[in-house]
Amino acid sequence: MTQAANSKRRIIFHIDMNCFYASVEMAHNPDLKGKPIAIAGNPEERKGIIVTSSYEARAKGVKTTMPVWQAKKLCPNLLLMRPNFDRYREASRAIFKMLSEITPLVQPVSIDEGYLDITDTEGLGTPVDIAEYLQQRILKELDIPCSLGIAPNKFLAKMASDMKKPLGITILRKRELSNMLWPLPIEEMHGIGEKTAEKLRKVSIQTIGDLALHDVYQLKQLLGVNGERMKNLANGIDYQLVDPEAVHDFKSIGSSQTLAHDSADWDELYQLLEDLVNNVARRVKRKNATGKNVQLMIRFHNHQTITRSKTLQGYIDEKEDILFVAKELLKTHWNEDPVRLLGVSLQHLEEKSQVGEQLDLFTYRDNAKKEKLYETMEALTDKYGKDIFLPLNGEDKKDDEQQPRTSFQKDFLDDYKKP
């Protein structure tokens, strides 16, 4: 089966699990149903933050990224639980396996959401029939609620899935944009965060409809090439295909160097680290790119090589930000043995024009502010401990198996394809 050509009207689903982590926990322990629960890193500590929460907790004002102490103040009977990523990954694998039985054109985008192209699906009923079948099957077999958006492209499908939760099915056609999409506040548009929304409001763009009708020249002056892209999306124009292989598209820019002599001198290593980061940042700028994962490679005097990385909530491209993370990785993971080679790379790259600021399970709305970025880095350490990394080579396999795997790694998103 091949993906439908652009000349043929496509039928795209966006499927989004409702309160996924909390729903998985309630499915695992039905006694939690109907109670305000929240998944939080280090729930016993004041610095812990809310990862996600049930609708009962949200009704009390509990929100994602809220400090635990604040959530408890709003909801004194809040039940706090640590994340169980093995459990969430197992549920995610089962869900995407169900989706792949409908069509091979499935694109996971995170542990709890993805796209399907059902254009060429035959014999399974109408799009609504298929959506209802998937929704009810996931609910019956896994006890996890989900919402689906049905539309002619990925952007509109994503917007549609957000319109009715929980257990919603929403159809968004291009002819319905003026009634269903355009009245929404501009900050509710997928890909537009608070910083961009603030810029748009300054030129009297308050709603998605305002953006759709605004002068494209002024938008390009305000947001660069992304301005025209956002206007097109607001008008329901999106030619992105559902790509089952997109999960493997991990682009990176890196720089490494062998020292003239094995060194255990921190100042010398730090100076080399700074030089490497300068190289990376310069190349990232040249490509007009930005990334959200910093990886450090250390090769010791005995040729043993380790790689350690940290994935961030927001995208970065400034050398100061890359250096901040790389330095912390070196301080944390260098055992003071003589070093032969250092390498730094910025990974999970995207073109700046393609990156929109948005809030998901692990993204702060104000992550554009550097001080907030640093707080986020500290919060990650508080939530998952110092070892939130995985070796990327075959060495230290025993240690690798003992490390908790979090949803920050995307290598599991095609697990559903495995027998």
Protein backbone atom coordinates (compact mmCIF):
# COMPACT_ATOMS: atom_id res chain seq x y z
CA MET A 1 0.00 0.00 0.00
CA THR A 2 1.42 3.40 -0.95
CA GLN A 3 0.58 6.77 0.45
CA ALA A 4 -2.01 8.65 -1.52
CA ALA A 5 -0.76 11.24 -3.95
CA ASN A 6 -1.36 14.89 -3.18
CA SER A 7 -3.88 15.05 -6.03
CA LYS A 8 -6.13 12.65 -4.16
CA ARG A 9 -8.01 13.93 -1.16
CA ARG A 10 -6.34 12.46 1.88
CA ILE A 11 -7.95 11.24 5.08
CA ILE A 12 -5.65 11.75 8.04
CA PHE A 13 -6.21 10.77 11.66
CA HIS A 14 -4.44 12.27 14.64
CA ILE A 15 -4.85 10.11 17.71
CA ASP A 16 -4.04 11.40 21.17
CA MET A 17 -4.31 9.47 24.41
CA ASN A 18 -6.16 11.33 27.17
CA CYS A 19 -4.06 11.91 30.31
CA PHE A 20 -1.93 9.01 29.11
CA TYR A 21 0.34 8.33 32.08
CA ALA A 22 -2.49 8.81 34.56
CA SER A 23 -4.82 6.67 32.43
CA VAL A 24 -2.28 3.86 32.28
CA GLU A 25 -1.93 3.94 36.06
CA MET A 26 -5.71 3.85 36.49
CA ALA A 27 -5.95 0.93 34.08
CA HIS A 28 -3.27 -0.85 36.10
CA ASN A 29 -5.02 -0.06 39.39
CA PRO A 30 -8.79 0.55 38.94
CA ASP A 31 -9.04 1.78 42.54
CA LEU A 32 -7.47 5.02 41.32
CA LYS A 33 -10.36 5.78 38.97
CA GLY A 34 -12.37 8.86 39.83
CA LYS A 35 -9.64 10.15 42.13
CA PRO A 36 -7.33 13.13 41.62
CA ILE A 37 -3.97 11.60 40.75
CA ALA A 38 -0.80 13.06 39.30
CA ILE A 39 2.42 11.63 37.96
CA ALA A 40 5.37 13.55 39.32
CA GLY A 41 9.12 13.32 39.52
CA ASN A 42 10.35 13.14 43.11
CA PRO A 43 6.85 13.58 44.54
CA GLU A 44 8.26 13.62 48.07
CA GLU A 45 10.42 16.64 47.37
CA ARG A 46 9.45 20.28 47.12
CA LYS A 47 11.27 20.62 43.79
CA GLY A 48 9.32 17.82 42.12
CA ILE A 49 7.06 18.84 39.24
CA ILE A 50 3.82 17.48 37.81
CA VAL A 51 4.30 15.48 34.62
CA THR A 52 0.60 14.90 33.99
CA SER A 53 -2.59 14.50 35.98
CA SER A 54 -6.08 13.04 35.81
CA TYR A 55 -9.08 15.15 34.85
CA GLU A 56 -10.21 15.08 38.48
CA ALA A 57 -6.93 16.73 39.48
CA ARG A 58 -7.10 19.19 36.60
CA ALA A 59 -10.54 20.26 37.78
CA LYS A 60 -8.82 21.44 40.97
CA GLY A 61 -6.30 23.50 39.02
CA VAL A 62 -3.44 20.99 38.85
CA LYS A 63 -1.43 21.51 35.67
CA THR A 64 1.52 19.98 33.88
CA THR A 65 4.93 21.39 35.00
CA MET A 66 3.37 22.76 38.21
CA PRO A 67 5.54 22.26 41.33
CA VAL A 68 4.30 19.45 43.56
CA TRP A 69 3.92 21.76 46.55
CA GLN A 70 1.63 24.06 44.58
CA ALA A 71 -0.44 21.16 43.26
CA LYS A 72 -0.89 19.81 46.79
CA LYS A 73 -1.99 23.24 47.96
CA LEU A 74 -4.66 23.37 45.26
CA CYS A 75 -5.69 19.75 45.77
CA PRO A 76 -4.83 18.49 49.29
CA ASN A 77 -6.09 14.96 48.54
CA LEU A 78 -3.96 14.65 45.38
CA LEU A 79 -2.47 11.18 44.96
CA LEU A 80 1.10 11.47 43.70
CA MET A 81 2.87 8.70 41.82
CA ARG A 82 6.30 8.33 40.30
CA PRO A 83 6.40 7.66 36.54
CA ASN A 84 6.68 4.04 35.42
CA PHE A 85 8.05 4.33 31.90
CA ASP A 86 8.25 0.59 31.30
CA ARG A 87 4.52 0.41 31.89
CA TYR A 88 3.84 3.40 29.62
CA ARG A 89 6.04 2.01 26.86
CA GLU A 90 4.22 -1.31 26.99
CA ALA A 91 0.87 0.44 26.64
CA SER A 92 2.19 2.64 23.84
CA ARG A 93 3.47 -0.38 21.93
CA ALA A 94 0.08 -2.09 22.20
CA ILE A 95 -1.72 1.04 20.96
CA PHE A 96 0.47 1.56 17.90
CA LYS A 97 0.24 -2.12 17.07
CA MET A 98 -3.55 -1.73 16.89
CA LEU A 99 -3.15 1.31 14.65
CA SER A 100 -0.81 -0.56 12.32
CA GLU A 101 -3.46 -3.22 11.81
CA ILE A 102 -5.60 -0.53 10.13
CA THR A 103 -2.86 0.86 7.87
CA PRO A 104 0.93 0.65 7.60
CA LEU A 105 0.98 4.45 7.25
CA VAL A 106 1.35 5.16 10.96
CA GLN A 107 3.67 7.88 12.25
CA PRO A 108 4.26 7.93 16.01
CA VAL A 109 5.26 11.39 17.18
CA SER A 110 5.48 10.68 20.90
CA ILE A 111 4.70 7.94 23.37
CA ASP A 112 0.99 8.82 23.36
CA GLU A 113 0.13 10.34 19.98
CA GLY A 114 0.53 9.72 16.29
CA TYR A 115 -0.85 10.11 12.78
CA LEU A 116 -2.49 7.63 10.40
CA ASP A 117 -3.21 7.99 6.69
CA ILE A 118 -6.30 5.89 5.97
CA THR A 119 -6.91 7.28 2.47
CA ASP A 120 -6.50 3.92 0.75
CA THR A 121 -8.07 1.82 3.49
CA GLU A 122 -10.92 -0.22 2.05
CA GLY A 123 -13.57 -2.48 3.50
CA LEU A 124 -13.43 -1.09 7.04
CA GLY A 125 -16.27 1.40 6.80
CA THR A 126 -16.31 5.18 6.86
CA PRO A 127 -13.58 7.25 8.53
CA VAL A 128 -15.89 7.75 11.51
CA ASP A 129 -16.50 3.99 11.70
CA ILE A 130 -12.74 3.38 11.78
CA ALA A 131 -12.20 6.09 14.39
CA GLU A 132 -14.94 4.68 16.63
CA TYR A 133 -13.55 1.17 16.21
CA LEU A 134 -10.05 2.26 17.27
CA GLN A 135 -11.31 4.36 20.15
CA GLN A 136 -13.49 1.59 21.55
CA ARG A 137 -10.90 -1.13 21.02
CA ILE A 138 -8.20 0.79 22.88
CA LEU A 139 -10.68 1.54 25.65
CA LYS A 140 -11.91 -2.05 25.88
CA GLU A 141 -8.58 -3.84 25.66
CA LEU A 142 -6.33 -1.35 27.47
CA ASP A 143 -8.83 0.76 29.43
CA ILE A 144 -7.21 3.92 28.05
CA PRO A 145 -9.34 6.75 26.61
CA CYS A 146 -8.26 8.64 23.50
CA SER A 147 -9.42 11.40 21.20
CA LEU A 148 -9.17 11.41 17.41
CA GLY A 149 -9.12 14.17 14.84
CA ILE A 150 -10.13 13.46 11.25
CA ALA A 151 -9.05 15.88 8.53
CA PRO A 152 -7.51 16.18 5.05
CA ASN A 153 -4.02 16.89 6.45
CA LYS A 154 -1.87 16.46 9.55
CA PHE A 155 -2.19 19.98 10.90
CA LEU A 156 -5.98 20.03 10.80
CA ALA A 157 -6.15 16.50 12.22
CA LYS A 158 -3.99 17.59 15.15
CA MET A 159 -6.17 20.64 15.78
CA ALA A 160 -9.31 18.51 15.55
CA SER A 161 -8.13 15.94 18.10
CA ASP A 162 -7.70 18.72 20.67
CA MET A 163 -11.26 20.01 20.24
CA LYS A 164 -13.04 17.34 22.24
CA LYS A 165 -11.54 15.51 25.20
CA PRO A 166 -11.81 12.95 26.65
CA LEU A 167 -13.08 10.31 24.21
CA GLY A 168 -13.75 12.77 21.42
CA ILE A 169 -13.95 12.25 17.67
CA THR A 170 -13.88 15.47 15.67
CA ILE A 171 -13.99 16.00 11.90
CA LEU A 172 -12.42 19.21 10.62
CA ARG A 173 -12.98 19.96 6.93
CA LYS A 174 -11.47 22.91 5.09
CA ARG A 175 -14.90 24.35 4.39
CA GLU A 176 -15.51 24.44 8.16
CA LEU A 177 -12.40 26.43 9.09
CA SER A 178 -14.22 29.74 9.47
CA ASN A 179 -16.62 28.24 12.01
CA MET A 180 -14.50 25.67 13.85
CA LEU A 181 -10.88 26.82 13.65
CA TRP A 182 -10.67 30.54 13.01
CA PRO A 183 -12.52 31.71 16.16
CA LEU A 184 -9.92 30.01 18.41
CA PRO A 185 -7.37 32.20 20.24
CA ILE A 186 -4.05 32.36 18.41
CA GLU A 187 -2.20 30.63 21.27
CA GLU A 188 -4.34 27.52 20.77
CA MET A 189 -2.91 26.97 17.30
CA HIS A 190 -0.56 23.99 17.13
CA GLY A 191 3.01 25.24 16.73
CA ILE A 192 2.46 28.66 18.29
CA GLY A 193 3.72 29.23 21.80
CA GLU A 194 3.37 32.19 24.11
CA LYS A 195 6.37 34.05 22.71
CA THR A 196 5.11 33.86 19.12
CA ALA A 197 1.54 34.59 20.18
CA GLU A 198 2.77 37.70 21.96
CA LYS A 199 4.43 38.92 18.76
CA LEU A 200 1.28 38.25 16.77
CA ARG A 201 -0.96 40.03 19.23
CA LYS A 202 1.19 43.15 18.83
CA VAL A 203 0.05 43.32 15.20
CA SER A 204 -3.61 42.75 16.17
CA ILE A 205 -3.67 39.01 15.48
CA GLN A 206 -5.84 37.67 18.28
CA THR A 207 -7.37 34.58 16.66
CA ILE A 208 -6.37 31.92 14.16
CA GLY A 209 -8.73 33.60 11.71
CA ASP A 210 -6.84 36.87 12.08
CA LEU A 211 -3.64 35.01 11.17
CA ALA A 212 -5.30 33.31 8.19
CA LEU A 213 -6.34 36.67 6.74
CA HIS A 214 -3.28 38.73 7.65
CA ASP A 215 -0.87 40.21 5.13
CA VAL A 216 1.79 37.61 4.34
CA TYR A 217 4.50 40.23 3.78
CA GLN A 218 4.09 41.61 7.29
CA LEU A 219 4.06 38.07 8.72
CA LYS A 220 7.35 37.27 6.98
CA GLN A 221 8.85 40.46 8.38
CA LEU A 222 7.66 39.46 11.86
CA LEU A 223 8.42 35.71 11.87
CA GLY A 224 10.61 35.13 8.83
CA VAL A 225 9.70 32.29 6.48
CA ASN A 226 7.78 30.74 9.35
CA GLY A 227 5.24 33.56 9.03
CA GLU A 228 4.10 32.38 5.62
CA ARG A 229 4.03 28.78 6.79
CA MET A 230 1.85 29.68 9.78
CA LYS A 231 -0.55 31.61 7.55
CA ASN A 232 -0.83 28.60 5.24
CA LEU A 233 -1.56 26.29 8.16
CA ALA A 234 -4.23 28.67 9.47
CA ASN A 235 -5.84 28.39 6.04
CA GLY A 236 -5.74 24.61 6.24
CA ILE A 237 -2.81 24.21 3.82
CA ASP A 238 -0.40 21.45 4.88
CA TYR A 239 1.36 19.06 2.51
CA GLN A 240 3.26 17.02 5.09
CA LEU A 241 2.91 13.30 4.53
CA VAL A 242 2.40 10.70 7.22
CA ASP A 243 5.90 9.23 7.41
CA PRO A 244 6.31 5.90 9.26
CA GLU A 245 10.10 6.30 9.12
CA ALA A 246 10.21 9.79 10.62
CA VAL A 247 10.99 8.33 14.04
CA HIS A 248 14.44 7.34 12.75
CA ASP A 249 15.29 10.82 11.52
CA PHE A 250 17.73 11.83 14.24
CA LYS A 251 19.93 14.51 12.69
CA SER A 252 22.92 15.93 14.51
CA ILE A 253 25.87 18.29 14.21
CA GLY A 254 28.97 17.38 16.15
CA SER A 255 32.64 18.12 16.65
CA SER A 256 35.35 16.01 18.27
CA GLN A 257 39.08 16.27 18.80
CA THR A 258 41.88 14.05 20.07
CA LEU A 259 44.10 15.76 22.61
CA ALA A 260 47.81 16.10 21.92
CA HIS A 261 48.36 14.07 25.08
CA ASP A 262 46.11 12.21 27.49
CA SER A 263 44.90 14.73 30.03
CA ALA A 264 43.23 14.74 33.42
CA ASP A 265 43.45 18.51 33.75
CA TRP A 266 39.96 20.00 34.15
CA ASP A 267 40.96 23.41 32.80
CA GLU A 268 42.46 21.87 29.67
CA LEU A 269 39.43 19.65 29.11
CA TYR A 270 37.04 22.53 29.66
CA GLN A 271 38.91 24.72 27.18
CA LEU A 272 38.69 21.95 24.57
CA LEU A 273 35.01 21.50 25.36
CA GLU A 274 34.40 25.19 24.79
CA ASP A 275 36.24 25.06 21.45
CA LEU A 276 34.18 22.08 20.33
CA VAL A 277 30.91 23.77 21.31
CA ASN A 278 31.94 26.88 19.38
CA ASN A 279 32.39 24.70 16.29
CA VAL A 280 29.02 23.04 16.78
CA ALA A 281 27.17 26.31 17.42
CA ARG A 282 28.72 27.93 14.33
CA ARG A 283 27.63 25.05 12.09
CA VAL A 284 24.16 24.99 13.65
CA LYS A 285 23.76 28.71 12.98
CA ARG A 286 24.97 28.24 9.39
CA LYS A 287 22.25 25.67 8.78
CA ASN A 288 19.63 27.83 10.55
CA ALA A 289 18.88 24.85 12.76
CA THR A 290 18.12 24.19 16.40
CA GLY A 291 18.24 21.06 18.54
CA LYS A 292 17.05 19.67 21.86
CA ASN A 293 19.59 16.97 22.75
CA VAL A 294 23.21 17.53 23.75
CA GLN A 295 25.55 14.53 23.63
CA LEU A 296 29.04 14.25 25.07
CA MET A 297 31.55 11.59 24.02
CA ILE A 298 34.57 10.79 26.21
CA ARG A 299 37.35 8.46 25.06
CA PHE A 300 39.74 7.58 27.86
CA HIS A 301 43.46 6.79 27.74
CA ASN A 302 42.68 3.06 27.49
CA HIS A 303 40.39 3.69 24.46
CA GLN A 304 37.25 2.96 26.45
CA THR A 305 34.56 5.27 25.04
CA ILE A 306 31.34 6.43 26.68
CA THR A 307 28.59 8.70 25.37
CA ARG A 308 26.22 10.55 27.63
CA SER A 309 23.40 12.84 26.62
CA LYS A 310 20.64 15.02 27.97
CA THR A 311 17.41 15.83 26.17
CA LEU A 312 15.84 19.20 26.91
CA GLN A 313 12.26 20.37 26.89
CA GLY A 314 12.99 23.21 24.49
CA TYR A 315 15.17 23.72 21.44
CA ILE A 316 18.51 25.52 21.78
CA ASP A 317 21.13 26.84 19.35
CA GLU A 318 23.19 29.36 21.32
CA LYS A 319 26.72 28.26 22.21
CA GLU A 320 26.23 29.34 25.84
CA ASP A 321 23.25 26.99 26.22
CA ILE A 322 25.00 24.07 24.50
CA LEU A 323 28.10 24.63 26.62
CA PHE A 324 26.06 24.77 29.82
CA VAL A 325 24.65 21.29 29.20
CA ALA A 326 27.92 19.84 27.85
CA LYS A 327 29.83 21.11 30.88
CA GLU A 328 27.31 19.54 33.26
CA LEU A 329 27.60 16.23 31.39
CA LEU A 330 31.39 16.34 31.66
CA LYS A 331 31.31 17.22 35.36
CA THR A 332 28.83 14.44 36.06
CA HIS A 333 30.30 11.62 33.98
CA TRP A 334 34.05 12.16 33.86
CA ASN A 335 35.69 9.83 36.38
CA GLU A 336 38.94 11.87 36.39
CA ASP A 337 40.83 9.24 34.40
CA PRO A 338 43.05 10.69 31.65
CA VAL A 339 41.05 11.64 28.55
CA ARG A 340 42.25 10.98 24.99
CA LEU A 341 39.34 12.48 23.01
CA LEU A 342 36.28 14.65 23.58
CA GLY A 343 33.28 15.07 21.31
CA VAL A 344 30.12 17.21 21.52
CA SER A 345 27.05 17.09 19.33
CA LEU A 346 23.68 18.81 19.19
CA GLN A 347 21.06 16.28 18.15
CA HIS A 348 17.36 16.00 17.27
CA LEU A 349 17.86 18.95 14.93
CA GLU A 350 15.09 20.77 13.13
CA GLU A 351 15.06 23.77 10.88
CA LYS A 352 14.13 26.84 12.89
CA SER A 353 11.33 27.59 10.46
CA GLN A 354 9.77 24.21 11.23
CA VAL A 355 9.91 24.46 15.00
CA GLY A 356 6.93 25.90 16.84
CA GLU A 357 6.87 26.52 20.55
CA GLN A 358 4.31 24.35 22.24
CA LEU A 359 3.56 22.84 25.61
CA ASP A 360 3.52 19.08 25.93
CA LEU A 361 4.28 16.73 28.80
CA PHE A 362 7.84 17.95 29.06
CA THR A 363 7.79 21.51 27.69
CA TYR A 364 7.49 24.68 29.73
CA ARG A 365 5.57 27.47 28.03
CA ASP A 366 8.25 30.00 28.89
CA ASN A 367 11.18 27.83 27.88
CA ALA A 368 12.47 30.58 25.60
CA LYS A 369 13.81 32.40 28.64
CA LYS A 370 17.26 31.17 29.50
CA GLU A 371 16.77 31.25 33.22
CA LYS A 372 13.73 29.03 32.80
CA LEU A 373 15.75 26.68 30.62
CA TYR A 374 18.31 26.31 33.37
CA GLU A 375 15.58 25.69 35.92
CA THR A 376 14.22 23.02 33.60
CA MET A 377 17.59 21.30 33.44
CA GLU A 378 17.72 21.25 37.22
CA ALA A 379 14.15 19.94 37.34
CA LEU A 380 15.11 17.05 35.05
CA THR A 381 17.88 16.06 37.42
CA ASP A 382 15.51 16.35 40.36
CA LYS A 383 12.91 14.19 38.59
CA TYR A 384 15.04 11.39 37.24
CA GLY A 385 18.32 11.62 39.10
CA LYS A 386 21.74 12.19 37.62
CA ASP A 387 21.69 9.15 35.32
CA ILE A 388 18.95 9.98 32.82
CA PHE A 389 21.20 8.88 29.97
CA LEU A 390 21.85 5.74 28.01
CA PRO A 391 25.17 4.60 26.53
CA LEU A 392 24.90 4.76 22.74
CA ASN A 393 27.56 2.14 22.05
CA GLY A 394 27.95 -1.45 23.08
CA GLU A 395 30.13 -0.76 26.08
CA ASP A 396 28.89 -0.67 29.65
CA LYS A 397 25.96 -2.85 28.57
CA LYS A 398 25.42 -4.11 32.09
CA ASP A 399 25.08 -0.56 33.37
CA ASP A 400 22.84 0.27 30.43
CA GLU A 401 20.37 -2.42 31.36
CA GLN A 402 20.13 -1.02 34.86
CA GLN A 403 19.35 2.53 33.72
CA PRO A 404 15.74 3.68 33.63
CA ARG A 405 14.62 4.36 30.08
CA THR A 406 12.45 7.43 29.83
CA SER A 407 10.18 8.77 27.15
CA PHE A 408 12.90 11.25 26.24
CA GLN A 409 14.43 8.54 24.06
CA LYS A 410 12.40 7.91 20.92
CA ASP A 411 14.05 4.67 19.91
CA PHE A 412 11.12 2.70 21.32
CA LEU A 413 8.51 4.33 19.10
CA ASP A 414 8.78 1.63 16.47
CA ASP A 415 8.60 -1.22 18.99
CA TYR A 416 5.11 -1.96 17.71
CA LYS A 417 6.66 -3.23 14.46
CA LYS A 418 8.60 -5.91 16.28
CA PRO A 419 7.11 -9.41 16.70
